Amino acid sequence: MEKMEYEITPEFVGLRIDKAISDKDKMLSRVAVQRLIDEEKILVNGKKIKSSYKLNLGDKVLIEKEEPKEIELKAENIPLDVVYEDSDILVINKQKGLVVHPGNGNPDGTLVNAIMAYCKDSLSGIGGEIRPGIVHRIDKDTSGLLIIAKNDNAHIHMSDQIKNHEVKKTYIALVRGNLKENQATIDMPIARSTKDRTKMAVSKDGKKAVTHLKVLERFDGYTLLEVNIETGRTHQIRVHLSQIGFPIVGDSVYSNGKNPFGVEGQMLHSMRLEFKHPVNGKDMKLEAKIPEYFENVLKELRGK
């Protein structure tokens, strides 16, 4: 564990701590700083703080940075559905069932292993050794669009857009129950569950989370929704929809996981991403069509 301690000088007074540290240490993006704060590996005057903490003159900031882990990631030729690619970014349509990066129980066979084979040496290193190029993520059983950074400059600028809610993310979800409103907004803070640390939950002490819903189609006992998220909290859509009584079909974590259509995992698809290219500033709007398994379920519902 590498430890660093800074004493805040006048030029950093009044700045948010996540911005100040990422400005001072170019190897740490704001997203990486926020992760360290959440893990209590950044302390101010010996106390835990939030990413929004504004620095005072003389504050002592302690940072514990993980030393590179001895981990041997291997490139694997896993098929990728490439939606867009240039020298700075790669946007893929991730298939359901593919884990984004290695972790407990998933040492290989992940998206990272696949992009290592596809991109070779052209990947940002900011995400760390087990997350090269990974700017954001979606769950294993959520399909759809993901942005991969091919260099550190693209990674930093893309991460800033995500942090500043400048990336418009549109999902499609099939939920149980019939939502009466044609449109709705869920504004409920989300935090790590105190009962089960593997889950997230709505909590007054959580981080702000805003989800917008629009009904696309109603069926007998089910509703097809277009979902836009302003914030990108872990499991945000799944938590919010379960909280209001309309859980996503097949979600075994935030519902009973029952899926009468024979599909494993939640029926949630990242359908559209709108953002500015992190290097040339061009407006980007990319879409991934609804997967075949999802279309087949909708056909079955329409036929009833």
C-alpha atoms as a PDB file:
ATOM      1  CA  MET A   1       0.000   0.000   0.000  1.00  0.00           C
ATOM      2  CA  GLU A   2       1.455   3.357  -1.060  1.00  0.00           C
ATOM      3  CA  LYS A   3       0.616   6.191   1.342  1.00  0.00           C
ATOM      4  CA  MET A   4       0.819   9.890   0.500  1.00  0.00           C
ATOM      5  CA  GLU A   5      -0.036  12.856   2.671  1.00  0.00           C
ATOM      6  CA  TYR A   6      -0.686  16.417   1.483  1.00  0.00           C
ATOM      7  CA  GLU A   7      -1.252  19.582   3.457  1.00  0.00           C
ATOM      8  CA  ILE A   8      -3.682  21.879   1.666  1.00  0.00           C
ATOM      9  CA  THR A   9      -2.154  25.102   0.383  1.00  0.00           C
ATOM     10  CA  PRO A  10      -4.065  28.269  -0.629  1.00  0.00           C
ATOM     11  CA  GLU A  11      -4.563  27.341  -4.297  1.00  0.00           C
ATOM     12  CA  PHE A  12      -6.675  24.311  -3.329  1.00  0.00           C
ATOM     13  CA  VAL A  13      -8.844  26.004  -0.668  1.00  0.00           C
ATOM     14  CA  GLY A  14     -12.553  25.788  -1.488  1.00  0.00           C
ATOM     15  CA  LEU A  15     -12.161  23.089  -4.131  1.00  0.00           C
ATOM     16  CA  ARG A  16     -13.988  19.776  -3.940  1.00  0.00           C
ATOM     17  CA  ILE A  17     -11.568  17.150  -2.750  1.00  0.00           C
ATOM     18  CA  ASP A  18     -12.165  14.846  -5.757  1.00  0.00           C
ATOM     19  CA  LYS A  19     -11.310  17.649  -8.189  1.00  0.00           C
ATOM     20  CA  ALA A  20      -8.307  18.863  -6.173  1.00  0.00           C
ATOM     21  CA  ILE A  21      -6.697  15.429  -5.935  1.00  0.00           C
ATOM     22  CA  SER A  22      -7.299  14.543  -9.593  1.00  0.00           C
ATOM     23  CA  ASP A  23      -5.818  17.930 -10.573  1.00  0.00           C
ATOM     24  CA  LYS A  24      -2.775  17.306  -8.369  1.00  0.00           C
ATOM     25  CA  ASP A  25      -2.243  13.674  -9.326  1.00  0.00           C
ATOM     26  CA  LYS A  26      -2.760  13.174 -13.059  1.00  0.00           C
ATOM     27  CA  MET A  27      -2.665   9.407 -12.619  1.00  0.00           C
ATOM     28  CA  LEU A  28      -5.914   9.547 -10.640  1.00  0.00           C
ATOM     29  CA  SER A  29      -9.130  10.425 -12.460  1.00  0.00           C
ATOM     30  CA  ARG A  30     -12.002  11.964 -10.493  1.00  0.00           C
ATOM     31  CA  VAL A  31     -13.831   8.642 -10.742  1.00  0.00           C
ATOM     32  CA  ALA A  32     -10.811   6.829  -9.261  1.00  0.00           C
ATOM     33  CA  VAL A  33     -10.578   9.424  -6.468  1.00  0.00           C
ATOM     34  CA  GLN A  34     -14.271   8.995  -5.678  1.00  0.00           C
ATOM     35  CA  ARG A  35     -13.817   5.236  -5.495  1.00  0.00           C
ATOM     36  CA  LEU A  36     -10.952   5.653  -3.031  1.00  0.00           C
ATOM     37  CA  ILE A  37     -13.094   8.033  -0.944  1.00  0.00           C
ATOM     38  CA  ASP A  38     -15.960   5.529  -0.903  1.00  0.00           C
ATOM     39  CA  GLU A  39     -13.510   2.842   0.244  1.00  0.00           C
ATOM     40  CA  GLU A  40     -12.240   5.215   2.989  1.00  0.00           C
ATOM     41  CA  LYS A  41      -8.749   5.177   1.497  1.00  0.00           C
ATOM     42  CA  ILE A  42      -8.727   8.967   1.380  1.00  0.00           C
ATOM     43  CA  LEU A  43      -9.072  10.684   4.750  1.00  0.00           C
ATOM     44  CA  VAL A  44      -8.987  14.363   5.750  1.00  0.00           C
ATOM     45  CA  ASN A  45      -7.538  15.116   9.180  1.00  0.00           C
ATOM     46  CA  GLY A  46      -7.908  11.423   9.946  1.00  0.00           C
ATOM     47  CA  LYS A  47     -11.651  11.347   9.199  1.00  0.00           C
ATOM     48  CA  LYS A  48     -13.722   9.931   6.356  1.00  0.00           C
ATOM     49  CA  ILE A  49     -15.329  12.498   4.054  1.00  0.00           C
ATOM     50  CA  LYS A  50     -17.551  12.696   0.978  1.00  0.00           C
ATOM     51  CA  SER A  51     -16.394  13.496  -2.556  1.00  0.00           C
ATOM     52  CA  SER A  52     -18.143  16.864  -2.260  1.00  0.00           C
ATOM     53  CA  TYR A  53     -16.017  17.914   0.760  1.00  0.00           C
ATOM     54  CA  LYS A  54     -14.512  21.369   0.202  1.00  0.00           C
ATOM     55  CA  LEU A  55     -10.942  21.759   1.321  1.00  0.00           C
ATOM     56  CA  ASN A  56      -9.739  24.170   3.997  1.00  0.00           C
ATOM     57  CA  LEU A  57      -6.301  25.682   4.457  1.00  0.00           C
ATOM     58  CA  GLY A  58      -4.057  23.309   6.395  1.00  0.00           C
ATOM     59  CA  ASP A  59      -6.250  20.214   5.914  1.00  0.00           C
ATOM     60  CA  LYS A  60      -4.145  17.079   5.989  1.00  0.00           C
ATOM     61  CA  VAL A  61      -5.158  14.674   3.227  1.00  0.00           C
ATOM     62  CA  LEU A  62      -4.023  11.057   3.493  1.00  0.00           C
ATOM     63  CA  ILE A  63      -4.260   8.877   0.386  1.00  0.00           C
ATOM     64  CA  GLU A  64      -3.733   5.113   0.346  1.00  0.00           C
ATOM     65  CA  LYS A  65      -3.147   3.911  -3.189  1.00  0.00           C
ATOM     66  CA  GLU A  66      -3.241   0.229  -3.941  1.00  0.00           C
ATOM     67  CA  GLU A  67       0.053  -1.167  -5.109  1.00  0.00           C
ATOM     68  CA  PRO A  68      -0.243  -2.921  -8.475  1.00  0.00           C
ATOM     69  CA  LYS A  69      -1.586  -6.396  -7.925  1.00  0.00           C
ATOM     70  CA  GLU A  70       0.296  -9.362  -9.207  1.00  0.00           C
ATOM     71  CA  ILE A  71      -2.352 -10.514 -11.611  1.00  0.00           C
ATOM     72  CA  GLU A  72      -1.877 -12.067 -14.971  1.00  0.00           C
ATOM     73  CA  LEU A  73      -4.698 -11.183 -17.290  1.00  0.00           C
ATOM     74  CA  LYS A  74      -4.772 -13.093 -20.516  1.00  0.00           C
ATOM     75  CA  ALA A  75      -6.229 -11.963 -23.803  1.00  0.00           C
ATOM     76  CA  GLU A  76      -9.092 -14.177 -24.933  1.00  0.00           C
ATOM     77  CA  ASN A  77     -10.779 -14.310 -28.310  1.00  0.00           C
ATOM     78  CA  ILE A  78     -14.325 -13.721 -27.097  1.00  0.00           C
ATOM     79  CA  PRO A  79     -16.637 -12.372 -29.829  1.00  0.00           C
ATOM     80  CA  LEU A  80     -17.361  -8.645 -29.578  1.00  0.00           C
ATOM     81  CA  ASP A  81     -20.168  -6.708 -31.260  1.00  0.00           C
ATOM     82  CA  VAL A  82     -18.370  -3.469 -32.144  1.00  0.00           C
ATOM     83  CA  VAL A  83     -20.757  -0.540 -32.676  1.00  0.00           C
ATOM     84  CA  TYR A  84     -18.122   2.199 -33.106  1.00  0.00           C
ATOM     85  CA  GLU A  85     -14.339   2.423 -33.108  1.00  0.00           C
ATOM     86  CA  ASP A  86     -11.625   5.009 -33.709  1.00  0.00           C
ATOM     87  CA  SER A  87      -8.138   5.604 -32.320  1.00  0.00           C
ATOM     88  CA  ASP A  88      -9.492   6.919 -28.988  1.00  0.00           C
ATOM     89  CA  ILE A  89     -12.581   4.906 -28.064  1.00  0.00           C
ATOM     90  CA  LEU A  90     -14.292   1.617 -28.700  1.00  0.00           C
ATOM     91  CA  VAL A  91     -18.038   1.216 -28.151  1.00  0.00           C
ATOM     92  CA  ILE A  92     -19.354  -2.309 -27.927  1.00  0.00           C
ATOM     93  CA  ASN A  93     -22.760  -3.925 -27.565  1.00  0.00           C
ATOM     94  CA  LYS A  94     -22.107  -6.264 -24.625  1.00  0.00           C
ATOM     95  CA  GLN A  95     -23.923  -9.571 -24.693  1.00  0.00           C
ATOM     96  CA  LYS A  96     -25.996 -10.743 -21.727  1.00  0.00           C
ATOM     97  CA  GLY A  97     -24.015 -12.999 -19.389  1.00  0.00           C
ATOM     98  CA  LEU A  98     -20.613 -11.406 -20.004  1.00  0.00           C
ATOM     99  CA  VAL A  99     -18.921 -10.024 -16.867  1.00  0.00           C
ATOM    100  CA  VAL A 100     -17.214  -6.664 -17.493  1.00  0.00           C
ATOM    101  CA  HIS A 101     -13.994  -7.186 -15.537  1.00  0.00           C
ATOM    102  CA  PRO A 102     -12.325  -9.979 -13.521  1.00  0.00           C
ATOM    103  CA  GLY A 103     -13.328 -10.405  -9.897  1.00  0.00           C
ATOM    104  CA  ASN A 104     -14.083 -13.040  -7.321  1.00  0.00           C
ATOM    105  CA  GLY A 105     -15.268 -16.114  -9.155  1.00  0.00           C
ATOM    106  CA  ASN A 106     -14.589 -14.581 -12.579  1.00  0.00           C
ATOM    107  CA  PRO A 107     -10.824 -14.637 -13.181  1.00  0.00           C
ATOM    108  CA  ASP A 108     -11.244 -14.817 -16.945  1.00  0.00           C
ATOM    109  CA  GLY A 109     -13.859 -14.965 -19.680  1.00  0.00           C
ATOM    110  CA  THR A 110     -14.675 -11.288 -19.098  1.00  0.00           C
ATOM    111  CA  LEU A 111     -15.072  -8.262 -21.338  1.00  0.00           C
ATOM    112  CA  VAL A 112     -11.598  -7.100 -20.254  1.00  0.00           C
ATOM    113  CA  ASN A 113     -10.084 -10.362 -21.521  1.00  0.00           C
ATOM    114  CA  ALA A 114     -11.944  -9.858 -24.794  1.00  0.00           C
ATOM    115  CA  ILE A 115     -10.888  -6.244 -25.352  1.00  0.00           C
ATOM    116  CA  MET A 116      -7.290  -7.106 -24.486  1.00  0.00           C
ATOM    117  CA  ALA A 117      -7.310  -9.518 -27.416  1.00  0.00           C
ATOM    118  CA  TYR A 118      -9.120  -7.052 -29.666  1.00  0.00           C
ATOM    119  CA  CYS A 119      -7.204  -3.862 -28.830  1.00  0.00           C
ATOM    120  CA  LYS A 120      -3.811  -5.426 -28.069  1.00  0.00           C
ATOM    121  CA  ASP A 121      -1.713  -2.566 -26.551  1.00  0.00           C
ATOM    122  CA  SER A 122      -4.231   0.200 -27.312  1.00  0.00           C
ATOM    123  CA  LEU A 123      -6.010   0.523 -23.968  1.00  0.00           C
ATOM    124  CA  SER A 124      -6.097   3.149 -21.238  1.00  0.00           C
ATOM    125  CA  GLY A 125      -4.319   2.091 -18.066  1.00  0.00           C
ATOM    126  CA  ILE A 126      -6.202   4.435 -15.743  1.00  0.00           C
ATOM    127  CA  GLY A 127      -8.742   1.811 -14.755  1.00  0.00           C
ATOM    128  CA  GLY A 128      -5.965  -0.226 -13.130  1.00  0.00           C
ATOM    129  CA  GLU A 129      -4.629  -3.648 -13.962  1.00  0.00           C
ATOM    130  CA  ILE A 130      -7.971  -5.434 -13.848  1.00  0.00           C
ATOM    131  CA  ARG A 131      -9.986  -2.650 -15.501  1.00  0.00           C
ATOM    132  CA  PRO A 132      -7.875  -1.441 -18.440  1.00  0.00           C
ATOM    133  CA  GLY A 133      -9.925   0.870 -20.646  1.00  0.00           C
ATOM    134  CA  ILE A 134     -13.078   0.459 -18.572  1.00  0.00           C
ATOM    135  CA  VAL A 135     -14.743   3.877 -18.182  1.00  0.00           C
ATOM    136  CA  HIS A 136     -18.106   2.668 -16.900  1.00  0.00           C
ATOM    137  CA  ARG A 137     -19.811  -0.685 -16.535  1.00  0.00           C
ATOM    138  CA  ILE A 138     -23.096  -2.513 -16.768  1.00  0.00           C
ATOM    139  CA  ASP A 139     -24.094  -5.651 -14.912  1.00  0.00           C
ATOM    140  CA  LYS A 140     -23.297  -9.158 -16.120  1.00  0.00           C
ATOM    141  CA  ASP A 141     -26.881  -9.867 -17.155  1.00  0.00           C
ATOM    142  CA  THR A 142     -27.550  -6.410 -18.594  1.00  0.00           C
ATOM    143  CA  SER A 143     -26.833  -6.222 -22.313  1.00  0.00           C
ATOM    144  CA  GLY A 144     -25.989  -3.189 -24.394  1.00  0.00           C
ATOM    145  CA  LEU A 145     -23.635  -0.299 -24.979  1.00  0.00           C
ATOM    146  CA  LEU A 146     -20.327   0.256 -23.175  1.00  0.00           C
ATOM    147  CA  ILE A 147     -17.552   2.758 -23.898  1.00  0.00           C
ATOM    148  CA  ILE A 148     -13.932   1.580 -23.751  1.00  0.00           C
ATOM    149  CA  ALA A 149     -11.074   4.121 -23.617  1.00  0.00           C
ATOM    150  CA  LYS A 150      -8.090   3.288 -25.806  1.00  0.00           C
ATOM    151  CA  ASN A 151      -5.772   5.874 -24.223  1.00  0.00           C
ATOM    152  CA  ASP A 152      -5.485   7.792 -20.946  1.00  0.00           C
ATOM    153  CA  ASN A 153      -6.526  11.143 -22.442  1.00  0.00           C
ATOM    154  CA  ALA A 154      -9.790   9.681 -23.730  1.00  0.00           C
ATOM    155  CA  HIS A 155     -10.357   7.933 -20.401  1.00  0.00           C
ATOM    156  CA  ILE A 156      -9.954  11.116 -18.344  1.00  0.00           C
ATOM    157  CA  HIS A 157     -12.273  13.208 -20.539  1.00  0.00           C
ATOM    158  CA  MET A 158     -14.865  10.442 -20.830  1.00  0.00           C
ATOM    159  CA  SER A 159     -14.849   9.890 -17.062  1.00  0.00           C
ATOM    160  CA  ASP A 160     -15.394  13.614 -16.499  1.00  0.00           C
ATOM    161  CA  GLN A 161     -18.429  13.592 -18.794  1.00  0.00           C
ATOM    162  CA  ILE A 162     -19.916  10.653 -16.917  1.00  0.00           C
ATOM    163  CA  LYS A 163     -19.199  12.280 -13.552  1.00  0.00           C
ATOM    164  CA  ASN A 164     -20.805  15.552 -14.686  1.00  0.00           C
ATOM    165  CA  HIS A 165     -23.922  13.714 -15.953  1.00  0.00           C
ATOM    166  CA  GLU A 166     -23.183  14.791 -19.527  1.00  0.00           C
ATOM    167  CA  VAL A 167     -23.619  11.298 -20.973  1.00  0.00           C
ATOM    168  CA  LYS A 168     -27.253  10.469 -21.763  1.00  0.00           C
ATOM    169  CA  LYS A 169     -27.885   6.789 -21.091  1.00  0.00           C
ATOM    170  CA  THR A 170     -31.112   5.226 -22.343  1.00  0.00           C
ATOM    171  CA  TYR A 171     -32.169   1.708 -21.396  1.00  0.00           C
ATOM    172  CA  ILE A 172     -35.125  -0.493 -22.201  1.00  0.00           C
ATOM    173  CA  ALA A 173     -36.596  -2.652 -19.431  1.00  0.00           C
ATOM    174  CA  LEU A 174     -39.427  -5.128 -19.101  1.00  0.00           C
ATOM    175  CA  VAL A 175     -41.004  -4.932 -15.654  1.00  0.00           C
ATOM    176  CA  ARG A 176     -43.642  -6.864 -13.784  1.00  0.00           C
ATOM    177  CA  GLY A 177     -46.898  -5.002 -13.201  1.00  0.00           C
ATOM    178  CA  ASN A 178     -48.706  -2.212 -15.036  1.00  0.00           C
ATOM    179  CA  LEU A 179     -47.399   1.312 -14.490  1.00  0.00           C
ATOM    180  CA  LYS A 180     -50.400   3.659 -14.668  1.00  0.00           C
ATOM    181  CA  GLU A 181     -48.471   6.843 -15.520  1.00  0.00           C
ATOM    182  CA  ASN A 182     -47.127   7.266 -19.039  1.00  0.00           C
ATOM    183  CA  GLN A 183     -44.067   9.023 -17.633  1.00  0.00           C
ATOM    184  CA  ALA A 184     -42.541   9.224 -14.178  1.00  0.00           C
ATOM    185  CA  THR A 185     -39.367  10.278 -12.362  1.00  0.00           C
ATOM    186  CA  ILE A 186     -37.835   8.433  -9.424  1.00  0.00           C
ATOM    187  CA  ASP A 187     -35.629  10.616  -7.226  1.00  0.00           C
ATOM    188  CA  MET A 188     -34.417   8.416  -4.368  1.00  0.00           C
ATOM    189  CA  PRO A 189     -30.874   8.298  -2.938  1.00  0.00           C
ATOM    190  CA  ILE A 190     -29.041   4.971  -3.116  1.00  0.00           C
ATOM    191  CA  ALA A 191     -26.410   3.501  -0.793  1.00  0.00           C
ATOM    192  CA  ARG A 192     -24.850   0.142  -0.014  1.00  0.00           C
ATOM    193  CA  SER A 193     -27.384  -2.021   1.826  1.00  0.00           C
ATOM    194  CA  THR A 194     -26.704  -2.301   5.562  1.00  0.00           C
ATOM    195  CA  LYS A 195     -28.339  -5.742   5.589  1.00  0.00           C
ATOM    196  CA  ASP A 196     -26.502  -7.263   2.625  1.00  0.00           C
ATOM    197  CA  ARG A 197     -23.241  -5.638   1.479  1.00  0.00           C
ATOM    198  CA  THR A 198     -23.558  -7.224  -1.966  1.00  0.00           C
ATOM    199  CA  LYS A 199     -26.715  -5.224  -2.623  1.00  0.00           C
ATOM    200  CA  MET A 200     -27.668  -1.572  -2.963  1.00  0.00           C
ATOM    201  CA  ALA A 201     -30.742   0.012  -1.395  1.00  0.00           C
ATOM    202  CA  VAL A 202     -32.713   3.243  -1.253  1.00  0.00           C
ATOM    203  CA  SER A 203     -31.402   5.158   1.765  1.00  0.00           C
ATOM    204  CA  LYS A 204     -31.762   8.718   3.031  1.00  0.00           C
ATOM    205  CA  ASP A 205     -27.996   8.648   3.645  1.00  0.00           C
ATOM    206  CA  GLY A 206     -27.244   7.544   0.100  1.00  0.00           C
ATOM    207  CA  LYS A 207     -26.059   9.392  -2.995  1.00  0.00           C
ATOM    208  CA  LYS A 208     -28.537  11.239  -5.168  1.00  0.00           C
ATOM    209  CA  ALA A 209     -30.034   8.977  -7.848  1.00  0.00           C
ATOM    210  CA  VAL A 210     -32.539  10.093 -10.486  1.00  0.00           C
ATOM    211  CA  THR A 211     -34.269   7.772 -12.967  1.00  0.00           C
ATOM    212  CA  HIS A 212     -36.773   8.849 -15.640  1.00  0.00           C
ATOM    213  CA  LEU A 213     -39.354   6.380 -16.951  1.00  0.00           C
ATOM    214  CA  LYS A 214     -41.464   6.403 -20.113  1.00  0.00           C
ATOM    215  CA  VAL A 215     -43.992   3.686 -20.958  1.00  0.00           C
ATOM    216  CA  LEU A 216     -43.428   2.231 -24.426  1.00  0.00           C
ATOM    217  CA  GLU A 217     -45.936  -0.602 -24.334  1.00  0.00           C
ATOM    218  CA  ARG A 218     -48.315  -2.280 -21.893  1.00  0.00           C
ATOM    219  CA  PHE A 219     -49.075  -5.991 -21.730  1.00  0.00           C
ATOM    220  CA  ASP A 220     -51.115  -8.256 -19.481  1.00  0.00           C
ATOM    221  CA  GLY A 221     -49.198  -8.012 -16.214  1.00  0.00           C
ATOM    222  CA  TYR A 222     -46.072  -6.421 -17.713  1.00  0.00           C
ATOM    223  CA  THR A 223     -44.849  -3.009 -18.907  1.00  0.00           C
ATOM    224  CA  LEU A 224     -42.097  -2.150 -21.387  1.00  0.00           C
ATOM    225  CA  LEU A 225     -40.221   0.962 -20.286  1.00  0.00           C
ATOM    226  CA  GLU A 226     -37.705   3.364 -21.750  1.00  0.00           C
ATOM    227  CA  VAL A 227     -35.419   4.403 -18.905  1.00  0.00           C
ATOM    228  CA  ASN A 228     -33.069   7.400 -18.746  1.00  0.00           C
ATOM    229  CA  ILE A 229     -30.698   7.793 -15.828  1.00  0.00           C
ATOM    230  CA  GLU A 230     -29.288  11.151 -14.763  1.00  0.00           C
ATOM    231  CA  THR A 231     -26.923   9.488 -12.322  1.00  0.00           C
ATOM    232  CA  GLY A 232     -25.055   6.203 -12.596  1.00  0.00           C
ATOM    233  CA  ARG A 233     -25.298   4.562  -9.203  1.00  0.00           C
ATOM    234  CA  THR A 234     -24.577   0.851  -8.908  1.00  0.00           C
ATOM    235  CA  HIS A 235     -27.715  -1.155  -9.782  1.00  0.00           C
ATOM    236  CA  GLN A 236     -29.653   2.141  -9.935  1.00  0.00           C
ATOM    237  CA  ILE A 237     -32.402   1.111 -12.365  1.00  0.00           C
ATOM    238  CA  ARG A 238     -32.913  -2.266 -10.724  1.00  0.00           C
ATOM    239  CA  VAL A 239     -33.092  -0.767  -7.218  1.00  0.00           C
ATOM    240  CA  HIS A 240     -35.426   2.083  -8.183  1.00  0.00           C
ATOM    241  CA  LEU A 241     -37.877  -0.086 -10.129  1.00  0.00           C
ATOM    242  CA  SER A 242     -37.989  -2.685  -7.376  1.00  0.00           C
ATOM    243  CA  GLN A 243     -38.529   0.045  -4.771  1.00  0.00           C
ATOM    244  CA  ILE A 244     -41.647   1.387  -6.526  1.00  0.00           C
ATOM    245  CA  GLY A 245     -43.097  -2.093  -6.971  1.00  0.00           C
ATOM    246  CA  PHE A 246     -42.261  -2.744 -10.622  1.00  0.00           C
ATOM    247  CA  PRO A 247     -39.200  -5.025 -10.538  1.00  0.00           C
ATOM    248  CA  ILE A 248     -37.413  -5.983 -13.725  1.00  0.00           C
ATOM    249  CA  VAL A 249     -38.431  -9.389 -15.050  1.00  0.00           C
ATOM    250  CA  GLY A 250     -35.795 -11.971 -14.143  1.00  0.00           C
ATOM    251  CA  ASP A 251     -33.992  -9.899 -11.508  1.00  0.00           C
ATOM    252  CA  SER A 252     -32.978 -12.425  -8.863  1.00  0.00           C
ATOM    253  CA  VAL A 253     -31.293  -9.860  -6.594  1.00  0.00           C
ATOM    254  CA  TYR A 254     -33.983  -7.197  -6.236  1.00  0.00           C
ATOM    255  CA  SER A 255     -36.956  -9.458  -6.931  1.00  0.00           C
ATOM    256  CA  ASN A 256     -37.765 -13.159  -6.946  1.00  0.00           C
ATOM    257  CA  GLY A 257     -35.992 -13.736 -10.257  1.00  0.00           C
ATOM    258  CA  LYS A 258     -38.975 -15.521 -11.784  1.00  0.00           C
ATOM    259  CA  ASN A 259     -39.071 -15.308 -15.550  1.00  0.00           C
ATOM    260  CA  PRO A 260     -41.898 -17.217 -17.239  1.00  0.00           C
ATOM    261  CA  PHE A 261     -40.206 -16.675 -20.606  1.00  0.00           C
ATOM    262  CA  GLY A 262     -37.199 -18.882 -19.911  1.00  0.00           C
ATOM    263  CA  VAL A 263     -34.631 -16.066 -19.931  1.00  0.00           C
ATOM    264  CA  GLU A 264     -31.927 -15.972 -17.257  1.00  0.00           C
ATOM    265  CA  GLY A 265     -31.102 -12.651 -15.612  1.00  0.00           C
ATOM    266  CA  GLN A 266     -32.835  -9.287 -15.652  1.00  0.00           C
ATOM    267  CA  MET A 267     -34.429  -8.052 -18.876  1.00  0.00           C
ATOM    268  CA  LEU A 268     -32.541  -4.768 -19.100  1.00  0.00           C
ATOM    269  CA  HIS A 269     -30.733  -3.458 -22.182  1.00  0.00           C
ATOM    270  CA  SER A 270     -28.521  -0.373 -22.593  1.00  0.00           C
ATOM    271  CA  MET A 271     -30.017   0.804 -25.855  1.00  0.00           C
ATOM    272  CA  ARG A 272     -28.583   4.274 -26.532  1.00  0.00           C
ATOM    273  CA  LEU A 273     -25.630   6.462 -25.520  1.00  0.00           C
ATOM    274  CA  GLU A 274     -25.318  10.166 -26.321  1.00  0.00           C
ATOM    275  CA  PHE A 275     -22.090  11.990 -25.480  1.00  0.00           C
ATOM    276  CA  LYS A 276     -19.335  14.189 -26.852  1.00  0.00           C
ATOM    277  CA  HIS A 277     -16.310  12.463 -28.290  1.00  0.00           C
ATOM    278  CA  PRO A 278     -13.684  12.745 -25.527  1.00  0.00           C
ATOM    279  CA  VAL A 279     -10.957  14.003 -27.864  1.00  0.00           C
ATOM    280  CA  ASN A 280     -12.490  15.809 -30.860  1.00  0.00           C
ATOM    281  CA  GLY A 281     -15.693  16.985 -29.156  1.00  0.00           C
ATOM    282  CA  LYS A 282     -17.998  15.607 -31.862  1.00  0.00           C
ATOM    283  CA  ASP A 283     -21.594  14.833 -30.811  1.00  0.00           C
ATOM    284  CA  MET A 284     -22.020  11.057 -30.662  1.00  0.00           C
ATOM    285  CA  LYS A 285     -25.306   9.148 -30.655  1.00  0.00           C
ATOM    286  CA  LEU A 286     -24.971   5.381 -30.759  1.00  0.00           C
ATOM    287  CA  GLU A 287     -27.628   2.681 -30.549  1.00  0.00           C
ATOM    288  CA  ALA A 288     -27.707  -1.067 -30.010  1.00  0.00           C
ATOM    289  CA  LYS A 289     -30.784  -2.895 -31.239  1.00  0.00           C
ATOM    290  CA  ILE A 290     -32.823  -4.937 -28.797  1.00  0.00           C
ATOM    291  CA  PRO A 291     -31.333  -8.454 -28.465  1.00  0.00           C
ATOM    292  CA  GLU A 292     -33.100 -11.348 -30.117  1.00  0.00           C
ATOM    293  CA  TYR A 293     -34.047 -12.989 -26.808  1.00  0.00           C
ATOM    294  CA  PHE A 294     -35.701  -9.732 -25.707  1.00  0.00           C
ATOM    295  CA  GLU A 295     -37.590  -9.364 -29.016  1.00  0.00           C
ATOM    296  CA  ASN A 296     -38.821 -12.938 -28.748  1.00  0.00           C
ATOM    297  CA  VAL A 297     -40.297 -12.256 -25.300  1.00  0.00           C
ATOM    298  CA  LEU A 298     -42.028  -9.126 -26.599  1.00  0.00           C
ATOM    299  CA  LYS A 299     -43.473 -11.107 -29.549  1.00  0.00           C
ATOM    300  CA  GLU A 300     -44.793 -13.683 -27.099  1.00  0.00           C
ATOM    301  CA  LEU A 301     -46.441 -10.964 -24.998  1.00  0.00           C
ATOM    302  CA  ARG A 302     -47.934  -9.256 -28.048  1.00  0.00           C
ATOM    303  CA  GLY A 303     -49.379 -12.574 -29.163  1.00  0.00           C
ATOM    304  CA  LYS A 304     -51.303 -13.092 -25.940  1.00  0.00           C
END
